[in-house]
Amino acid sequence: MPLYRQPSSVLPVPLSVPNSNTLEMFNGANQQQLHVYGTRTDGSNYRRGVLTMTTGGDLQIDAQGIGSGATGNFISFRRNGVSVVAIDGANNMASIGSISAGVNSRLGFVTRSLIISPSNGTINLSNNAGTDFTAMQFAGTQVLTTRRTGWGAPTGTATRTAFATGSVTLEQLAERLKALIDDLTTHGLIGT
């Protein structure tokens, strides 16, 4: 049954209750918005939440404010009174639980880098186009870059035991160098 406040100029958009526990707001093909205020002095001083569905199918939840409510607005998704996901005024997102992505999902930094998991236990780091990898850094210091190529695979015995620098033979040193080259090739840091 339609609900209207009289006169209709006060509430020109139809609100209806099509069945128990459902409230609808619509006006043909026109986009509608629901505003819920935290504070409101007047039209130039408020803090509010906005829920809208665009005509193109984009459901939007927005924390808005102007005047004294212009800063400090954030969005918090809560369960049992506890914030489980929050987005602050600087667009930082925090979650108290795990965040899972779909099999074909990517974690991307706009126009920068991508993190992709093409198979179980594998993580790929690439540029925004997904075609290259430049470097991994810790606190601005590069610790990893693309594979260094041109290495051939040495033949013979690989040895990974300790040695004394003052008495090691050339053959023992070559065995350990082969083991090091084998391991770095297996890890993918160097290759042919």
C-alpha atoms as a PDB file:
ATOM      1  CA  MET A   1       0.000   0.000   0.000  1.00  0.00           C
ATOM      2  CA  PRO A   2       1.411   3.459  -0.883  1.00  0.00           C
ATOM      3  CA  LEU A   3       2.384   5.773   1.963  1.00  0.00           C
ATOM      4  CA  TYR A   4       2.107   9.514   1.396  1.00  0.00           C
ATOM      5  CA  ARG A   5       2.466  12.470   3.698  1.00  0.00           C
ATOM      6  CA  GLN A   6      -0.047  15.197   2.967  1.00  0.00           C
ATOM      7  CA  PRO A   7       0.169  17.572   1.288  1.00  0.00           C
ATOM      8  CA  SER A   8       1.972  15.802  -1.573  1.00  0.00           C
ATOM      9  CA  SER A   9       4.287  18.814  -2.079  1.00  0.00           C
ATOM     10  CA  VAL A  10       5.940  17.924   1.254  1.00  0.00           C
ATOM     11  CA  LEU A  11       6.784  14.391   0.101  1.00  0.00           C
ATOM     12  CA  PRO A  12       6.353  14.185  -3.679  1.00  0.00           C
ATOM     13  CA  VAL A  13       8.239  10.873  -4.083  1.00  0.00           C
ATOM     14  CA  PRO A  14       6.104   7.787  -3.525  1.00  0.00           C
ATOM     15  CA  LEU A  15       6.995   5.567  -0.628  1.00  0.00           C
ATOM     16  CA  SER A  16       5.297   2.203  -0.612  1.00  0.00           C
ATOM     17  CA  VAL A  17       5.117  -0.928   1.469  1.00  0.00           C
ATOM     18  CA  PRO A  18       4.638  -3.713  -1.107  1.00  0.00           C
ATOM     19  CA  ASN A  19       4.628  -6.382   1.600  1.00  0.00           C
ATOM     20  CA  SER A  20       5.459  -6.816   5.270  1.00  0.00           C
ATOM     21  CA  ASN A  21       8.898  -5.514   6.337  1.00  0.00           C
ATOM     22  CA  THR A  22       9.682  -3.822   2.983  1.00  0.00           C
ATOM     23  CA  LEU A  23       9.777  -0.070   2.350  1.00  0.00           C
ATOM     24  CA  GLU A  24      10.310   1.221  -1.210  1.00  0.00           C
ATOM     25  CA  MET A  25      11.147   4.696  -2.512  1.00  0.00           C
ATOM     26  CA  PHE A  26      10.906   5.273  -6.272  1.00  0.00           C
ATOM     27  CA  ASN A  27      10.039   7.810  -8.918  1.00  0.00           C
ATOM     28  CA  GLY A  28       9.942   6.120 -12.316  1.00  0.00           C
ATOM     29  CA  ALA A  29      13.411   6.058 -13.933  1.00  0.00           C
ATOM     30  CA  ASN A  30      14.792   8.847 -11.709  1.00  0.00           C
ATOM     31  CA  GLN A  31      17.659   8.157  -9.316  1.00  0.00           C
ATOM     32  CA  GLN A  32      16.680   8.413  -5.623  1.00  0.00           C
ATOM     33  CA  GLN A  33      18.790   9.191  -2.545  1.00  0.00           C
ATOM     34  CA  LEU A  34      18.287   8.536   1.135  1.00  0.00           C
ATOM     35  CA  HIS A  35      20.007  10.981   3.503  1.00  0.00           C
ATOM     36  CA  VAL A  36      20.558  10.069   7.158  1.00  0.00           C
ATOM     37  CA  TYR A  37      22.030  12.905   9.230  1.00  0.00           C
ATOM     38  CA  GLY A  38      24.461  12.721  12.112  1.00  0.00           C
ATOM     39  CA  THR A  39      24.272  16.495  12.565  1.00  0.00           C
ATOM     40  CA  ARG A  40      22.477  19.214  10.637  1.00  0.00           C
ATOM     41  CA  THR A  41      22.300  22.905  11.394  1.00  0.00           C
ATOM     42  CA  ASP A  42      21.136  23.887   7.915  1.00  0.00           C
ATOM     43  CA  GLY A  43      21.833  23.147   4.234  1.00  0.00           C
ATOM     44  CA  SER A  44      25.413  24.427   4.539  1.00  0.00           C
ATOM     45  CA  ASN A  45      26.406  22.749   7.793  1.00  0.00           C
ATOM     46  CA  TYR A  46      25.835  19.008   8.227  1.00  0.00           C
ATOM     47  CA  ARG A  47      27.261  15.502   8.416  1.00  0.00           C
ATOM     48  CA  ARG A  48      25.276  12.766   6.705  1.00  0.00           C
ATOM     49  CA  GLY A  49      25.274   9.338   5.150  1.00  0.00           C
ATOM     50  CA  VAL A  50      23.845   8.923   1.656  1.00  0.00           C
ATOM     51  CA  LEU A  51      22.504   5.748   0.087  1.00  0.00           C
ATOM     52  CA  THR A  52      21.658   5.817  -3.617  1.00  0.00           C
ATOM     53  CA  MET A  53      21.314   3.548  -6.622  1.00  0.00           C
ATOM     54  CA  THR A  54      22.269   5.193  -9.904  1.00  0.00           C
ATOM     55  CA  THR A  55      20.248   4.604 -13.050  1.00  0.00           C
ATOM     56  CA  GLY A  56      23.327   2.769 -14.380  1.00  0.00           C
ATOM     57  CA  GLY A  57      23.179   0.199 -11.548  1.00  0.00           C
ATOM     58  CA  ASP A  58      25.866   1.575  -9.189  1.00  0.00           C
ATOM     59  CA  LEU A  59      24.850   1.195  -5.517  1.00  0.00           C
ATOM     60  CA  GLN A  60      26.637   3.984  -3.657  1.00  0.00           C
ATOM     61  CA  ILE A  61      27.180   4.527   0.068  1.00  0.00           C
ATOM     62  CA  ASP A  62      28.678   7.937   0.795  1.00  0.00           C
ATOM     63  CA  ALA A  63      29.772   9.766   3.963  1.00  0.00           C
ATOM     64  CA  GLN A  64      29.251  13.481   3.249  1.00  0.00           C
ATOM     65  CA  GLY A  65      29.598  16.706   5.123  1.00  0.00           C
ATOM     66  CA  ILE A  66      30.017  20.446   4.699  1.00  0.00           C
ATOM     67  CA  GLY A  67      30.644  23.240   7.167  1.00  0.00           C
ATOM     68  CA  SER A  68      31.657  21.804  10.538  1.00  0.00           C
ATOM     69  CA  GLY A  69      30.949  18.294   9.172  1.00  0.00           C
ATOM     70  CA  ALA A  70      33.290  18.607   6.183  1.00  0.00           C
ATOM     71  CA  THR A  71      36.157  16.601   7.718  1.00  0.00           C
ATOM     72  CA  GLY A  72      36.491  13.406   9.688  1.00  0.00           C
ATOM     73  CA  ASN A  73      33.804  11.480   7.800  1.00  0.00           C
ATOM     74  CA  PHE A  74      34.421   7.769   7.341  1.00  0.00           C
ATOM     75  CA  ILE A  75      32.496   4.636   6.479  1.00  0.00           C
ATOM     76  CA  SER A  76      32.323   1.734   8.900  1.00  0.00           C
ATOM     77  CA  PHE A  77      30.754  -1.656   8.230  1.00  0.00           C
ATOM     78  CA  ARG A  78      29.774  -3.103  11.581  1.00  0.00           C
ATOM     79  CA  ARG A  79      28.630  -6.432  12.989  1.00  0.00           C
ATOM     80  CA  ASN A  80      27.224  -6.726  16.512  1.00  0.00           C
ATOM     81  CA  GLY A  81      28.335  -3.158  17.219  1.00  0.00           C
ATOM     82  CA  VAL A  82      31.962  -3.785  16.206  1.00  0.00           C
ATOM     83  CA  SER A  83      33.567  -2.189  13.150  1.00  0.00           C
ATOM     84  CA  VAL A  84      34.809  -5.008  10.899  1.00  0.00           C
ATOM     85  CA  VAL A  85      35.797  -2.860   7.879  1.00  0.00           C
ATOM     86  CA  ALA A  86      36.418   0.885   8.012  1.00  0.00           C
ATOM     87  CA  ILE A  87      37.434   3.457   5.396  1.00  0.00           C
ATOM     88  CA  ASP A  88      38.785   6.675   6.881  1.00  0.00           C
ATOM     89  CA  GLY A  89      38.874  10.232   5.514  1.00  0.00           C
ATOM     90  CA  ALA A  90      42.222   9.578   3.807  1.00  0.00           C
ATOM     91  CA  ASN A  91      40.752   6.526   1.985  1.00  0.00           C
ATOM     92  CA  ASN A  92      42.689   4.040   4.104  1.00  0.00           C
ATOM     93  CA  MET A  93      40.856   0.767   4.656  1.00  0.00           C
ATOM     94  CA  ALA A  94      41.212  -1.350   7.789  1.00  0.00           C
ATOM     95  CA  SER A  95      39.748  -4.769   8.497  1.00  0.00           C
ATOM     96  CA  ILE A  96      39.771  -6.803  11.692  1.00  0.00           C
ATOM     97  CA  GLY A  97      39.433 -10.059   9.742  1.00  0.00           C
ATOM     98  CA  SER A  98      40.836 -11.727   6.668  1.00  0.00           C
ATOM     99  CA  ILE A  99      40.226 -10.268   3.236  1.00  0.00           C
ATOM    100  CA  SER A 100      39.702 -12.870   0.529  1.00  0.00           C
ATOM    101  CA  ALA A 101      39.718 -12.277  -3.217  1.00  0.00           C
ATOM    102  CA  GLY A 102      38.345 -14.393  -6.019  1.00  0.00           C
ATOM    103  CA  VAL A 103      40.507 -16.751  -8.070  1.00  0.00           C
ATOM    104  CA  ASN A 104      40.897 -14.264 -10.933  1.00  0.00           C
ATOM    105  CA  SER A 105      41.149 -11.145  -8.732  1.00  0.00           C
ATOM    106  CA  ARG A 106      44.024  -8.696  -8.620  1.00  0.00           C
ATOM    107  CA  LEU A 107      45.204  -6.344  -5.913  1.00  0.00           C
ATOM    108  CA  GLY A 108      46.240  -3.244  -7.789  1.00  0.00           C
ATOM    109  CA  PHE A 109      47.773   0.126  -7.108  1.00  0.00           C
ATOM    110  CA  VAL A 110      46.268   2.467  -9.720  1.00  0.00           C
ATOM    111  CA  THR A 111      48.707   3.025 -12.634  1.00  0.00           C
ATOM    112  CA  ARG A 112      51.432   1.239 -10.652  1.00  0.00           C
ATOM    113  CA  SER A 113      51.814  -2.378  -9.532  1.00  0.00           C
ATOM    114  CA  LEU A 114      49.675  -5.536  -9.390  1.00  0.00           C
ATOM    115  CA  ILE A 115      49.677  -8.550  -7.082  1.00  0.00           C
ATOM    116  CA  ILE A 116      48.178 -11.599  -8.786  1.00  0.00           C
ATOM    117  CA  SER A 117      47.849 -15.225  -7.657  1.00  0.00           C
ATOM    118  CA  PRO A 118      47.619 -17.366 -10.832  1.00  0.00           C
ATOM    119  CA  SER A 119      47.700 -20.681  -8.940  1.00  0.00           C
ATOM    120  CA  ASN A 120      47.628 -22.060  -5.414  1.00  0.00           C
ATOM    121  CA  GLY A 121      50.760 -20.998  -3.536  1.00  0.00           C
ATOM    122  CA  THR A 122      51.979 -18.616  -6.271  1.00  0.00           C
ATOM    123  CA  ILE A 123      52.070 -14.810  -6.118  1.00  0.00           C
ATOM    124  CA  ASN A 124      53.117 -12.688  -9.085  1.00  0.00           C
ATOM    125  CA  LEU A 125      54.245  -9.084  -8.774  1.00  0.00           C
ATOM    126  CA  SER A 126      54.059  -7.018 -11.951  1.00  0.00           C
ATOM    127  CA  ASN A 127      53.648  -3.546 -13.360  1.00  0.00           C
ATOM    128  CA  ASN A 128      50.162  -2.138 -13.953  1.00  0.00           C
ATOM    129  CA  ALA A 129      49.993  -3.774 -17.410  1.00  0.00           C
ATOM    130  CA  GLY A 130      50.842  -7.179 -15.905  1.00  0.00           C
ATOM    131  CA  THR A 131      53.825  -7.540 -18.256  1.00  0.00           C
ATOM    132  CA  ASP A 132      56.926  -6.653 -16.256  1.00  0.00           C
ATOM    133  CA  PHE A 133      58.486  -6.499 -12.787  1.00  0.00           C
ATOM    134  CA  THR A 134      61.040  -3.889 -11.864  1.00  0.00           C
ATOM    135  CA  ALA A 135      62.082  -4.215  -8.233  1.00  0.00           C
ATOM    136  CA  MET A 136      61.108  -5.134  -4.707  1.00  0.00           C
ATOM    137  CA  GLN A 137      62.285  -2.743  -2.039  1.00  0.00           C
ATOM    138  CA  PHE A 138      62.338  -2.640   1.734  1.00  0.00           C
ATOM    139  CA  ALA A 139      62.389   0.870   3.183  1.00  0.00           C
ATOM    140  CA  GLY A 140      63.573   2.192  -0.190  1.00  0.00           C
ATOM    141  CA  THR A 141      66.432  -0.314  -0.546  1.00  0.00           C
ATOM    142  CA  GLN A 142      66.169  -2.674  -3.501  1.00  0.00           C
ATOM    143  CA  VAL A 143      66.420  -6.327  -2.476  1.00  0.00           C
ATOM    144  CA  LEU A 144      65.108  -8.046  -5.600  1.00  0.00           C
ATOM    145  CA  THR A 145      64.761  -7.245  -9.285  1.00  0.00           C
ATOM    146  CA  THR A 146      64.205  -9.133 -12.523  1.00  0.00           C
ATOM    147  CA  ARG A 147      66.161 -12.321 -13.266  1.00  0.00           C
ATOM    148  CA  ARG A 148      69.783 -11.860 -14.298  1.00  0.00           C
ATOM    149  CA  THR A 149      70.296 -13.944 -17.438  1.00  0.00           C
ATOM    150  CA  GLY A 150      73.297 -15.329 -19.298  1.00  0.00           C
ATOM    151  CA  TRP A 151      74.291 -17.916 -16.689  1.00  0.00           C
ATOM    152  CA  GLY A 152      75.133 -21.407 -17.913  1.00  0.00           C
ATOM    153  CA  ALA A 153      74.631 -24.477 -15.736  1.00  0.00           C
ATOM    154  CA  PRO A 154      77.935 -25.826 -14.395  1.00  0.00           C
ATOM    155  CA  THR A 155      78.451 -29.598 -14.449  1.00  0.00           C
ATOM    156  CA  GLY A 156      80.004 -31.863 -11.852  1.00  0.00           C
ATOM    157  CA  THR A 157      79.543 -32.156  -8.105  1.00  0.00           C
ATOM    158  CA  ALA A 158      77.689 -29.561  -6.069  1.00  0.00           C
ATOM    159  CA  THR A 159      78.779 -29.226  -2.443  1.00  0.00           C
ATOM    160  CA  ARG A 160      77.044 -27.135   0.217  1.00  0.00           C
ATOM    161  CA  THR A 161      79.238 -27.800   3.254  1.00  0.00           C
ATOM    162  CA  ALA A 162      81.434 -25.375   5.191  1.00  0.00           C
ATOM    163  CA  PHE A 163      85.057 -24.744   4.248  1.00  0.00           C
ATOM    164  CA  ALA A 164      88.097 -22.983   5.657  1.00  0.00           C
ATOM    165  CA  THR A 165      89.174 -20.067   3.499  1.00  0.00           C
ATOM    166  CA  GLY A 166      92.858 -20.634   4.269  1.00  0.00           C
ATOM    167  CA  SER A 167      92.931 -24.267   3.118  1.00  0.00           C
ATOM    168  CA  VAL A 168      90.119 -24.709   0.573  1.00  0.00           C
ATOM    169  CA  THR A 169      91.210 -26.202  -2.722  1.00  0.00           C
ATOM    170  CA  LEU A 170      90.174 -24.851  -6.118  1.00  0.00           C
ATOM    171  CA  GLU A 171      88.071 -27.988  -6.709  1.00  0.00           C
ATOM    172  CA  GLN A 172      86.248 -27.611  -3.358  1.00  0.00           C
ATOM    173  CA  LEU A 173      85.588 -23.924  -4.081  1.00  0.00           C
ATOM    174  CA  ALA A 174      84.268 -24.769  -7.573  1.00  0.00           C
ATOM    175  CA  GLU A 175      81.884 -27.370  -6.064  1.00  0.00           C
ATOM    176  CA  ARG A 176      80.468 -24.772  -3.712  1.00  0.00           C
ATOM    177  CA  LEU A 177      80.205 -22.184  -6.521  1.00  0.00           C
ATOM    178  CA  LYS A 178      78.279 -24.750  -8.600  1.00  0.00           C
ATOM    179  CA  ALA A 179      75.889 -25.346  -5.662  1.00  0.00           C
ATOM    180  CA  LEU A 180      75.373 -21.586  -5.310  1.00  0.00           C
ATOM    181  CA  ILE A 181      74.661 -21.159  -9.044  1.00  0.00           C
ATOM    182  CA  ASP A 182      72.288 -24.165  -8.977  1.00  0.00           C
ATOM    183  CA  ASP A 183      70.375 -22.752  -6.000  1.00  0.00           C
ATOM    184  CA  LEU A 184      70.112 -19.218  -7.413  1.00  0.00           C
ATOM    185  CA  THR A 185      68.873 -20.669 -10.730  1.00  0.00           C
ATOM    186  CA  THR A 186      66.301 -22.828  -8.920  1.00  0.00           C
ATOM    187  CA  HIS A 187      65.110 -19.757  -6.992  1.00  0.00           C
ATOM    188  CA  GLY A 188      64.853 -17.894 -10.285  1.00  0.00           C
ATOM    189  CA  LEU A 189      67.240 -15.044  -9.441  1.00  0.00           C
ATOM    190  CA  ILE A 190      69.606 -16.037 -12.237  1.00  0.00           C
ATOM    191  CA  GLY A 191      69.202 -18.175 -15.340  1.00  0.00           C
ATOM    192  CA  THR A 192      70.233 -18.837 -18.906  1.00  0.00           C
END
